[in-house]
Amino acid sequence: MKKSTMNTLIGSALAAASGIFVYRAYQEKNTVRVEPDIDMYNSAEIDKRESVDALDDSAEQGLSQLDSIYRDEWQANGFPQTHKEMRELEEDK
């Protein structure tokens, strides 16, 4: 093979390889990386565990930890706990 033909083939191979590297780098740059969700509200495991206050508080018995967290938030924000309380609030309006 001629030296010029060999240089052309090697140059073409190097150009193709560098094009592939540039394309992959461009793809990685445009990829959005998201951290895994470690929020306890999205955890199926916490919805299966019994509430930690179940032994101390009779209202917590039968609730999962997730339900207990929601219950605490509702109480802190003043949401009604029962249908009776909801009807009373509607009648007061």
PDB file of N, CA and C in Angstrom:
ATOM      1  N   MET A   1       0.839  -1.181   0.000  1.00  0.00           N
ATOM      2  CA  MET A   1       0.000   0.000   0.000  1.00  0.00           C
ATOM      3  C   MET A   1       0.883   1.244   0.000  1.00  0.00           C
ATOM      4  N   LYS A   2       0.391   2.219  -0.643  1.00  0.00           N
ATOM      5  CA  LYS A   2       1.128   3.482  -0.671  1.00  0.00           C
ATOM      6  C   LYS A   2       1.063   4.152   0.693  1.00  0.00           C
ATOM      7  N   LYS A   3       2.049   4.938   0.945  1.00  0.00           N
ATOM      8  CA  LYS A   3       2.108   5.633   2.235  1.00  0.00           C
ATOM      9  C   LYS A   3       0.966   6.640   2.360  1.00  0.00           C
ATOM     10  N   SER A   4       0.597   7.296   1.280  1.00  0.00           N
ATOM     11  CA  SER A   4      -0.493   8.279   1.326  1.00  0.00           C
ATOM     12  C   SER A   4      -1.843   7.600   1.576  1.00  0.00           C
ATOM     13  N   THR A   5      -2.043   6.415   0.998  1.00  0.00           N
ATOM     14  CA  THR A   5      -3.282   5.664   1.229  1.00  0.00           C
ATOM     15  C   THR A   5      -3.357   5.222   2.691  1.00  0.00           C
ATOM     16  N   MET A   6      -2.227   4.750   3.210  1.00  0.00           N
ATOM     17  CA  MET A   6      -2.179   4.319   4.613  1.00  0.00           C
ATOM     18  C   MET A   6      -2.449   5.498   5.548  1.00  0.00           C
ATOM     19  N   ASN A   7      -1.877   6.649   5.265  1.00  0.00           N
ATOM     20  CA  ASN A   7      -2.118   7.838   6.087  1.00  0.00           C
ATOM     21  C   ASN A   7      -3.583   8.260   6.017  1.00  0.00           C
ATOM     22  N   THR A   8      -4.197   8.136   4.846  1.00  0.00           N
ATOM     23  CA  THR A   8      -5.612   8.480   4.692  1.00  0.00           C
ATOM     24  C   THR A   8      -6.488   7.541   5.518  1.00  0.00           C
ATOM     25  N   LEU A   9      -6.200   6.236   5.471  1.00  0.00           N
ATOM     26  CA  LEU A   9      -6.974   5.263   6.254  1.00  0.00           C
ATOM     27  C   LEU A   9      -6.810   5.499   7.761  1.00  0.00           C
ATOM     28  N   ILE A  10      -5.600   5.722   8.201  1.00  0.00           N
ATOM     29  CA  ILE A  10      -5.354   5.969   9.628  1.00  0.00           C
ATOM     30  C   ILE A  10      -6.026   7.270  10.060  1.00  0.00           C
ATOM     31  N   GLY A  11      -5.932   8.292   9.237  1.00  0.00           N
ATOM     32  CA  GLY A  11      -6.584   9.566   9.553  1.00  0.00           C
ATOM     33  C   GLY A  11      -8.093   9.431   9.619  1.00  0.00           C
ATOM     34  N   SER A  12      -8.661   8.646   8.693  1.00  0.00           N
ATOM     35  CA  SER A  12     -10.111   8.418   8.700  1.00  0.00           C
ATOM     36  C   SER A  12     -10.537   7.653   9.947  1.00  0.00           C
ATOM     37  N   ALA A  13      -9.753   6.641  10.320  1.00  0.00           N
ATOM     38  CA  ALA A  13     -10.068   5.862  11.523  1.00  0.00           C
ATOM     39  C   ALA A  13      -9.988   6.735  12.769  1.00  0.00           C
ATOM     40  N   LEU A  14      -8.965   7.570  12.854  1.00  0.00           N
ATOM     41  CA  LEU A  14      -8.841   8.467  14.004  1.00  0.00           C
ATOM     42  C   LEU A  14      -9.974   9.487  14.044  1.00  0.00           C
ATOM     43  N   ALA A  15     -10.379   9.992  12.884  1.00  0.00           N
ATOM     44  CA  ALA A  15     -11.484  10.952  12.833  1.00  0.00           C
ATOM     45  C   ALA A  15     -12.792  10.294  13.264  1.00  0.00           C
ATOM     46  N   ALA A  16     -13.017   9.052  12.823  1.00  0.00           N
ATOM     47  CA  ALA A  16     -14.231   8.335  13.216  1.00  0.00           C
ATOM     48  C   ALA A  16     -14.231   8.064  14.718  1.00  0.00           C
ATOM     49  N   ALA A  17     -13.084   7.644  15.258  1.00  0.00           N
ATOM     50  CA  ALA A  17     -12.993   7.367  16.695  1.00  0.00           C
ATOM     51  C   ALA A  17     -13.212   8.635  17.509  1.00  0.00           C
ATOM     52  N   SER A  18     -12.608   9.733  17.073  1.00  0.00           N
ATOM     53  CA  SER A  18     -12.805  10.982  17.816  1.00  0.00           C
ATOM     54  C   SER A  18     -14.251  11.457  17.702  1.00  0.00           C
ATOM     55  N   GLY A  19     -14.886  11.218  16.566  1.00  0.00           N
ATOM     56  CA  GLY A  19     -16.303  11.565  16.416  1.00  0.00           C
ATOM     57  C   GLY A  19     -17.180  10.783  17.377  1.00  0.00           C
ATOM     58  N   ILE A  20     -16.850   9.504  17.545  1.00  0.00           N
ATOM     59  CA  ILE A  20     -17.614   8.671  18.487  1.00  0.00           C
ATOM     60  C   ILE A  20     -17.429   9.195  19.917  1.00  0.00           C
ATOM     61  N   PHE A  21     -16.199   9.535  20.288  1.00  0.00           N
ATOM     62  CA  PHE A  21     -15.942  10.056  21.633  1.00  0.00           C
ATOM     63  C   PHE A  21     -16.663  11.383  21.871  1.00  0.00           C
ATOM     64  N   VAL A  22     -16.663  12.239  20.879  1.00  0.00           N
ATOM     65  CA  VAL A  22     -17.352  13.528  21.007  1.00  0.00           C
ATOM     66  C   VAL A  22     -18.853  13.308  21.141  1.00  0.00           C
ATOM     67  N   TYR A  23     -19.405  12.389  20.361  1.00  0.00           N
ATOM     68  CA  TYR A  23     -20.840  12.101  20.422  1.00  0.00           C
ATOM     69  C   TYR A  23     -21.229  11.562  21.798  1.00  0.00           C
ATOM     70  N   ARG A  24     -20.434  10.637  22.332  1.00  0.00           N
ATOM     71  CA  ARG A  24     -20.735  10.082  23.665  1.00  0.00           C
ATOM     72  C   ARG A  24     -20.621  11.148  24.750  1.00  0.00           C
ATOM     73  N   ALA A  25     -19.616  11.999  24.645  1.00  0.00           N
ATOM     74  CA  ALA A  25     -19.460  13.078  25.626  1.00  0.00           C
ATOM     75  C   ALA A  25     -20.644  14.033  25.552  1.00  0.00           C
ATOM     76  N   TYR A  26     -21.119  14.311  24.350  1.00  0.00           N
ATOM     77  CA  TYR A  26     -22.285  15.182  24.173  1.00  0.00           C
ATOM     78  C   TYR A  26     -23.531  14.547  24.786  1.00  0.00           C
ATOM     79  N   GLN A  27     -23.705  13.233  24.591  1.00  0.00           N
ATOM     80  CA  GLN A  27     -24.851  12.540  25.184  1.00  0.00           C
ATOM     81  C   GLN A  27     -24.786  12.584  26.705  1.00  0.00           C
ATOM     82  N   GLU A  28     -23.622  12.338  27.281  1.00  0.00           N
ATOM     83  CA  GLU A  28     -23.484  12.362  28.741  1.00  0.00           C
ATOM     84  C   GLU A  28     -23.730  13.753  29.297  1.00  0.00           C
ATOM     85  N   LYS A  29     -23.303  14.762  28.563  1.00  0.00           N
ATOM     86  CA  LYS A  29     -23.490  16.138  29.017  1.00  0.00           C
ATOM     87  C   LYS A  29     -24.970  16.500  29.060  1.00  0.00           C
ATOM     88  N   ASN A  30     -25.740  15.994  28.119  1.00  0.00           N
ATOM     89  CA  ASN A  30     -27.160  16.323  28.040  1.00  0.00           C
ATOM     90  C   ASN A  30     -28.044  15.375  28.841  1.00  0.00           C
ATOM     91  N   THR A  31     -27.457  14.390  29.475  1.00  0.00           N
ATOM     92  CA  THR A  31     -28.223  13.464  30.289  1.00  0.00           C
ATOM     93  C   THR A  31     -28.486  14.098  31.653  1.00  0.00           C
ATOM     94  N   VAL A  32     -29.731  14.078  32.068  1.00  0.00           N
ATOM     95  CA  VAL A  32     -30.095  14.621  33.375  1.00  0.00           C
ATOM     96  C   VAL A  32     -29.917  13.521  34.407  1.00  0.00           C
ATOM     97  N   ARG A  33     -29.069  13.794  35.372  1.00  0.00           N
ATOM     98  CA  ARG A  33     -28.842  12.815  36.430  1.00  0.00           C
ATOM     99  C   ARG A  33     -29.717  13.170  37.615  1.00  0.00           C
ATOM    100  N   VAL A  34     -30.464  12.184  38.078  1.00  0.00           N
ATOM    101  CA  VAL A  34     -31.373  12.386  39.196  1.00  0.00           C
ATOM    102  C   VAL A  34     -30.922  11.488  40.334  1.00  0.00           C
ATOM    103  N   GLU A  35     -30.799  12.068  41.495  1.00  0.00           N
ATOM    104  CA  GLU A  35     -30.437  11.285  42.670  1.00  0.00           C
ATOM    105  C   GLU A  35     -31.587  10.342  43.015  1.00  0.00           C
ATOM    106  N   PRO A  36     -31.287   9.168  43.520  1.00  0.00           N
ATOM    107  CA  PRO A  36     -32.364   8.259  43.915  1.00  0.00           C
ATOM    108  C   PRO A  36     -33.202   8.881  45.028  1.00  0.00           C
ATOM    109  N   ASP A  37     -34.489   8.618  44.974  1.00  0.00           N
ATOM    110  CA  ASP A  37     -35.414   9.211  45.929  1.00  0.00           C
ATOM    111  C   ASP A  37     -35.293   8.494  47.263  1.00  0.00           C
ATOM    112  N   ILE A  38     -34.879   9.215  48.279  1.00  0.00           N
ATOM    113  CA  ILE A  38     -34.738   8.622  49.606  1.00  0.00           C
ATOM    114  C   ILE A  38     -35.781   9.199  50.563  1.00  0.00           C
ATOM    115  N   ASP A  39     -36.766   9.867  50.013  1.00  0.00           N
ATOM    116  CA  ASP A  39     -37.810  10.469  50.829  1.00  0.00           C
ATOM    117  C   ASP A  39     -38.657   9.371  51.455  1.00  0.00           C
ATOM    118  N   MET A  40     -38.921   9.474  52.742  1.00  0.00           N
ATOM    119  CA  MET A  40     -39.650   8.412  53.419  1.00  0.00           C
ATOM    120  C   MET A  40     -41.107   8.335  52.982  1.00  0.00           C
ATOM    121  N   TYR A  41     -41.643   9.405  52.398  1.00  0.00           N
ATOM    122  CA  TYR A  41     -43.029   9.371  51.962  1.00  0.00           C
ATOM    123  C   TYR A  41     -43.222   8.454  50.759  1.00  0.00           C
ATOM    124  N   ASN A  42     -42.156   8.178  50.018  1.00  0.00           N
ATOM    125  CA  ASN A  42     -42.245   7.304  48.859  1.00  0.00           C
ATOM    126  C   ASN A  42     -41.753   5.900  49.164  1.00  0.00           C
ATOM    127  N   SER A  43     -41.556   5.591  50.409  1.00  0.00           N
ATOM    128  CA  SER A  43     -41.011   4.303  50.801  1.00  0.00           C
ATOM    129  C   SER A  43     -42.141   3.317  51.084  1.00  0.00           C
ATOM    130  N   ALA A  44     -42.093   2.184  50.420  1.00  0.00           N
ATOM    131  CA  ALA A  44     -43.085   1.140  50.679  1.00  0.00           C
ATOM    132  C   ALA A  44     -42.793   0.463  52.016  1.00  0.00           C
ATOM    133  N   GLU A  45     -41.533   0.472  52.413  1.00  0.00           N
ATOM    134  CA  GLU A  45     -41.141  -0.181  53.661  1.00  0.00           C
ATOM    135  C   GLU A  45     -41.746   0.521  54.872  1.00  0.00           C
ATOM    136  N   ILE A  46     -41.755   1.836  54.871  1.00  0.00           N
ATOM    137  CA  ILE A  46     -42.269   2.587  56.017  1.00  0.00           C
ATOM    138  C   ILE A  46     -43.789   2.455  56.121  1.00  0.00           C
ATOM    139  N   ASP A  47     -44.430   2.114  55.017  1.00  0.00           N
ATOM    140  CA  ASP A  47     -45.876   1.936  55.038  1.00  0.00           C
ATOM    141  C   ASP A  47     -46.259   0.561  55.580  1.00  0.00           C
ATOM    142  N   LYS A  48     -45.285  -0.317  55.767  1.00  0.00           N
ATOM    143  CA  LYS A  48     -45.566  -1.655  56.293  1.00  0.00           C
ATOM    144  C   LYS A  48     -45.222  -1.776  57.774  1.00  0.00           C
ATOM    145  N   ARG A  49     -44.317  -0.923  58.264  1.00  0.00           N
ATOM    146  CA  ARG A  49     -43.908  -0.993  59.673  1.00  0.00           C
ATOM    147  C   ARG A  49     -44.974  -0.395  60.577  1.00  0.00           C
ATOM    148  N   GLU A  50     -45.122  -0.989  61.752  1.00  0.00           N
ATOM    149  CA  GLU A  50     -46.092  -0.481  62.720  1.00  0.00           C
ATOM    150  C   GLU A  50     -45.599   0.840  63.303  1.00  0.00           C
ATOM    151  N   SER A  51     -46.537   1.688  63.645  1.00  0.00           N
ATOM    152  CA  SER A  51     -46.215   2.991  64.222  1.00  0.00           C
ATOM    153  C   SER A  51     -45.413   2.813  65.504  1.00  0.00           C
ATOM    154  N   VAL A  52     -44.439   3.684  65.706  1.00  0.00           N
ATOM    155  CA  VAL A  52     -43.597   3.582  66.901  1.00  0.00           C
ATOM    156  C   VAL A  52     -44.361   3.988  68.159  1.00  0.00           C
ATOM    157  N   ASP A  53     -45.424   4.751  68.017  1.00  0.00           N
ATOM    158  CA  ASP A  53     -46.212   5.186  69.168  1.00  0.00           C
ATOM    159  C   ASP A  53     -47.415   4.283  69.433  1.00  0.00           C
ATOM    160  N   ALA A  54     -47.501   3.138  68.769  1.00  0.00           N
ATOM    161  CA  ALA A  54     -48.673   2.273  68.894  1.00  0.00           C
ATOM    162  C   ALA A  54     -48.853   1.742  70.312  1.00  0.00           C
ATOM    163  N   LEU A  55     -47.771   1.491  71.015  1.00  0.00           N
ATOM    164  CA  LEU A  55     -47.889   0.967  72.377  1.00  0.00           C
ATOM    165  C   LEU A  55     -48.314   2.046  73.361  1.00  0.00           C
ATOM    166  N   ASP A  56     -47.943   3.292  73.116  1.00  0.00           N
ATOM    167  CA  ASP A  56     -48.229   4.385  74.041  1.00  0.00           C
ATOM    168  C   ASP A  56     -49.564   5.061  73.770  1.00  0.00           C
ATOM    169  N   ASP A  57     -49.951   5.190  72.515  1.00  0.00           N
ATOM    170  CA  ASP A  57     -51.134   5.955  72.128  1.00  0.00           C
ATOM    171  C   ASP A  57     -52.148   5.018  71.478  1.00  0.00           C
ATOM    172  N   SER A  58     -53.345   4.942  72.047  1.00  0.00           N
ATOM    173  CA  SER A  58     -54.358   4.034  71.498  1.00  0.00           C
ATOM    174  C   SER A  58     -54.823   4.469  70.112  1.00  0.00           C
ATOM    175  N   ALA A  59     -54.731   5.754  69.800  1.00  0.00           N
ATOM    176  CA  ALA A  59     -55.133   6.232  68.475  1.00  0.00           C
ATOM    177  C   ALA A  59     -54.139   5.805  67.397  1.00  0.00           C
ATOM    178  N   GLU A  60     -52.933   5.442  67.799  1.00  0.00           N
ATOM    179  CA  GLU A  60     -51.898   5.032  66.845  1.00  0.00           C
ATOM    180  C   GLU A  60     -51.925   3.533  66.571  1.00  0.00           C
ATOM    181  N   GLN A  61     -52.701   2.774  67.333  1.00  0.00           N
ATOM    182  CA  GLN A  61     -52.731   1.328  67.141  1.00  0.00           C
ATOM    183  C   GLN A  61     -53.341   0.999  65.787  1.00  0.00           C
ATOM    184  N   GLY A  62     -52.682   0.098  65.076  1.00  0.00           N
ATOM    185  CA  GLY A  62     -53.155  -0.304  63.757  1.00  0.00           C
ATOM    186  C   GLY A  62     -52.674   0.596  62.630  1.00  0.00           C
ATOM    187  N   LEU A  63     -51.957   1.663  62.968  1.00  0.00           N
ATOM    188  CA  LEU A  63     -51.445   2.563  61.935  1.00  0.00           C
ATOM    189  C   LEU A  63     -50.013   2.185  61.569  1.00  0.00           C
ATOM    190  N   SER A  64     -49.681   2.398  60.315  1.00  0.00           N
ATOM    191  CA  SER A  64     -48.285   2.222  59.907  1.00  0.00           C
ATOM    192  C   SER A  64     -47.525   3.499  60.254  1.00  0.00           C
ATOM    193  N   GLN A  65     -46.212   3.468  60.096  1.00  0.00           N
ATOM    194  CA  GLN A  65     -45.418   4.667  60.387  1.00  0.00           C
ATOM    195  C   GLN A  65     -45.790   5.807  59.452  1.00  0.00           C
ATOM    196  N   LEU A  66     -46.073   5.483  58.190  1.00  0.00           N
ATOM    197  CA  LEU A  66     -46.461   6.518  57.234  1.00  0.00           C
ATOM    198  C   LEU A  66     -47.804   7.134  57.625  1.00  0.00           C
ATOM    199  N   ASP A  67     -48.765   6.282  58.011  1.00  0.00           N
ATOM    200  CA  ASP A  67     -50.058   6.798  58.457  1.00  0.00           C
ATOM    201  C   ASP A  67     -49.906   7.659  59.705  1.00  0.00           C
ATOM    202  N   SER A  68     -49.022   7.250  60.594  1.00  0.00           N
ATOM    203  CA  SER A  68     -48.776   8.017  61.814  1.00  0.00           C
ATOM    204  C   SER A  68     -48.210   9.396  61.485  1.00  0.00           C
ATOM    205  N   ILE A  69     -47.310   9.454  60.511  1.00  0.00           N
ATOM    206  CA  ILE A  69     -46.734  10.742  60.104  1.00  0.00           C
ATOM    207  C   ILE A  69     -47.817  11.642  59.531  1.00  0.00           C
ATOM    208  N   TYR A  70     -48.658  11.073  58.657  1.00  0.00           N
ATOM    209  CA  TYR A  70     -49.752  11.866  58.083  1.00  0.00           C
ATOM    210  C   TYR A  70     -50.711  12.339  59.173  1.00  0.00           C
ATOM    211  N   ARG A  71     -51.002  11.470  60.132  1.00  0.00           N
ATOM    212  CA  ARG A  71     -51.905  11.837  61.228  1.00  0.00           C
ATOM    213  C   ARG A  71     -51.324  12.995  62.032  1.00  0.00           C
ATOM    214  N   ASP A  72     -50.031  12.940  62.320  1.00  0.00           N
ATOM    215  CA  ASP A  72     -49.377  14.031  63.054  1.00  0.00           C
ATOM    216  C   ASP A  72     -49.465  15.345  62.283  1.00  0.00           C
ATOM    217  N   GLU A  73     -49.275  15.281  60.962  1.00  0.00           N
ATOM    218  CA  GLU A  73     -49.377  16.497  60.146  1.00  0.00           C
ATOM    219  C   GLU A  73     -50.801  17.043  60.162  1.00  0.00           C
ATOM    220  N   TRP A  74     -51.776  16.150  60.055  1.00  0.00           N
ATOM    221  CA  TRP A  74     -53.175  16.605  60.056  1.00  0.00           C
ATOM    222  C   TRP A  74     -53.519  17.281  61.372  1.00  0.00           C
ATOM    223  N   GLN A  75     -53.059  16.698  62.472  1.00  0.00           N
ATOM    224  CA  GLN A  75     -53.335  17.298  63.772  1.00  0.00           C
ATOM    225  C   GLN A  75     -52.636  18.643  63.911  1.00  0.00           C
ATOM    226  N   ALA A  76     -51.412  18.729  63.437  1.00  0.00           N
ATOM    227  CA  ALA A  76     -50.671  19.985  63.539  1.00  0.00           C
ATOM    228  C   ALA A  76     -51.313  21.082  62.695  1.00  0.00           C
ATOM    229  N   ASN A  77     -51.904  20.707  61.574  1.00  0.00           N
ATOM    230  CA  ASN A  77     -52.514  21.687  60.679  1.00  0.00           C
ATOM    231  C   ASN A  77     -54.009  21.871  60.922  1.00  0.00           C
ATOM    232  N   GLY A  78     -54.562  21.126  61.862  1.00  0.00           N
ATOM    233  CA  GLY A  78     -55.963  21.301  62.222  1.00  0.00           C
ATOM    234  C   GLY A  78     -56.953  20.641  61.283  1.00  0.00           C
ATOM    235  N   PHE A  79     -56.548  19.624  60.540  1.00  0.00           N
ATOM    236  CA  PHE A  79     -57.491  18.911  59.684  1.00  0.00           C
ATOM    237  C   PHE A  79     -58.406  18.054  60.549  1.00  0.00           C
ATOM    238  N   PRO A  80     -59.663  17.917  60.167  1.00  0.00           N
ATOM    239  CA  PRO A  80     -60.567  17.062  60.937  1.00  0.00           C
ATOM    240  C   PRO A  80     -60.144  15.597  60.830  1.00  0.00           C
ATOM    241  N   GLN A  81     -60.319  14.867  61.926  1.00  0.00           N
ATOM    242  CA  GLN A  81     -59.880  13.477  61.968  1.00  0.00           C
ATOM    243  C   GLN A  81     -60.987  12.497  61.602  1.00  0.00           C
ATOM    244  N   THR A  82     -62.227  12.879  61.779  1.00  0.00           N
ATOM    245  CA  THR A  82     -63.330  11.951  61.522  1.00  0.00           C
ATOM    246  C   THR A  82     -64.339  12.593  60.584  1.00  0.00           C
ATOM    247  N   HIS A  83     -65.236  11.756  60.067  1.00  0.00           N
ATOM    248  CA  HIS A  83     -66.299  12.270  59.201  1.00  0.00           C
ATOM    249  C   HIS A  83     -67.241  13.175  59.992  1.00  0.00           C
ATOM    250  N   LYS A  84     -67.441  12.847  61.265  1.00  0.00           N
ATOM    251  CA  LYS A  84     -68.305  13.671  62.112  1.00  0.00           C
ATOM    252  C   LYS A  84     -67.733  15.084  62.238  1.00  0.00           C
ATOM    253  N   GLU A  85     -66.434  15.186  62.475  1.00  0.00           N
ATOM    254  CA  GLU A  85     -65.800  16.505  62.570  1.00  0.00           C
ATOM    255  C   GLU A  85     -65.891  17.250  61.247  1.00  0.00           C
ATOM    256  N   MET A  86     -65.784  16.532  60.132  1.00  0.00           N
ATOM    257  CA  MET A  86     -65.894  17.179  58.819  1.00  0.00           C
ATOM    258  C   MET A  86     -67.292  17.751  58.617  1.00  0.00           C
ATOM    259  N   ARG A  87     -68.331  16.979  59.004  1.00  0.00           N
ATOM    260  CA  ARG A  87     -69.711  17.473  58.870  1.00  0.00           C
ATOM    261  C   ARG A  87     -69.942  18.687  59.757  1.00  0.00           C
ATOM    262  N   GLU A  88     -69.390  18.654  60.983  1.00  0.00           N
ATOM    263  CA  GLU A  88     -69.542  19.794  61.889  1.00  0.00           C
ATOM    264  C   GLU A  88     -68.894  21.046  61.311  1.00  0.00           C
ATOM    265  N   LEU A  89     -67.738  20.894  60.693  1.00  0.00           N
ATOM    266  CA  LEU A  89     -67.075  22.036  60.070  1.00  0.00           C
ATOM    267  C   LEU A  89     -67.885  22.583  58.898  1.00  0.00           C
ATOM    268  N   GLU A  90     -68.492  21.689  58.119  1.00  0.00           N
ATOM    269  CA  GLU A  90     -69.306  22.134  56.986  1.00  0.00           C
ATOM    270  C   GLU A  90     -70.560  22.864  57.464  1.00  0.00           C
ATOM    271  N   GLU A  91     -71.148  22.394  58.574  1.00  0.00           N
ATOM    272  CA  GLU A  91     -72.352  23.036  59.106  1.00  0.00           C
ATOM    273  C   GLU A  91     -72.029  24.412  59.684  1.00  0.00           C
ATOM    274  N   ASP A  92     -70.832  24.583  60.217  1.00  0.00           N
ATOM    275  CA  ASP A  92     -70.442  25.861  60.814  1.00  0.00           C
ATOM    276  C   ASP A  92     -70.209  26.946  59.773  1.00  0.00           C
ATOM    277  N   LYS A  93     -69.970  26.590  58.541  1.00  0.00           N
ATOM    278  CA  LYS A  93     -69.684  27.585  57.499  1.00  0.00           C
ATOM    279  C   LYS A  93     -70.845  28.426  57.194  1.00  0.00           C
TER     280      LYS A  93
END
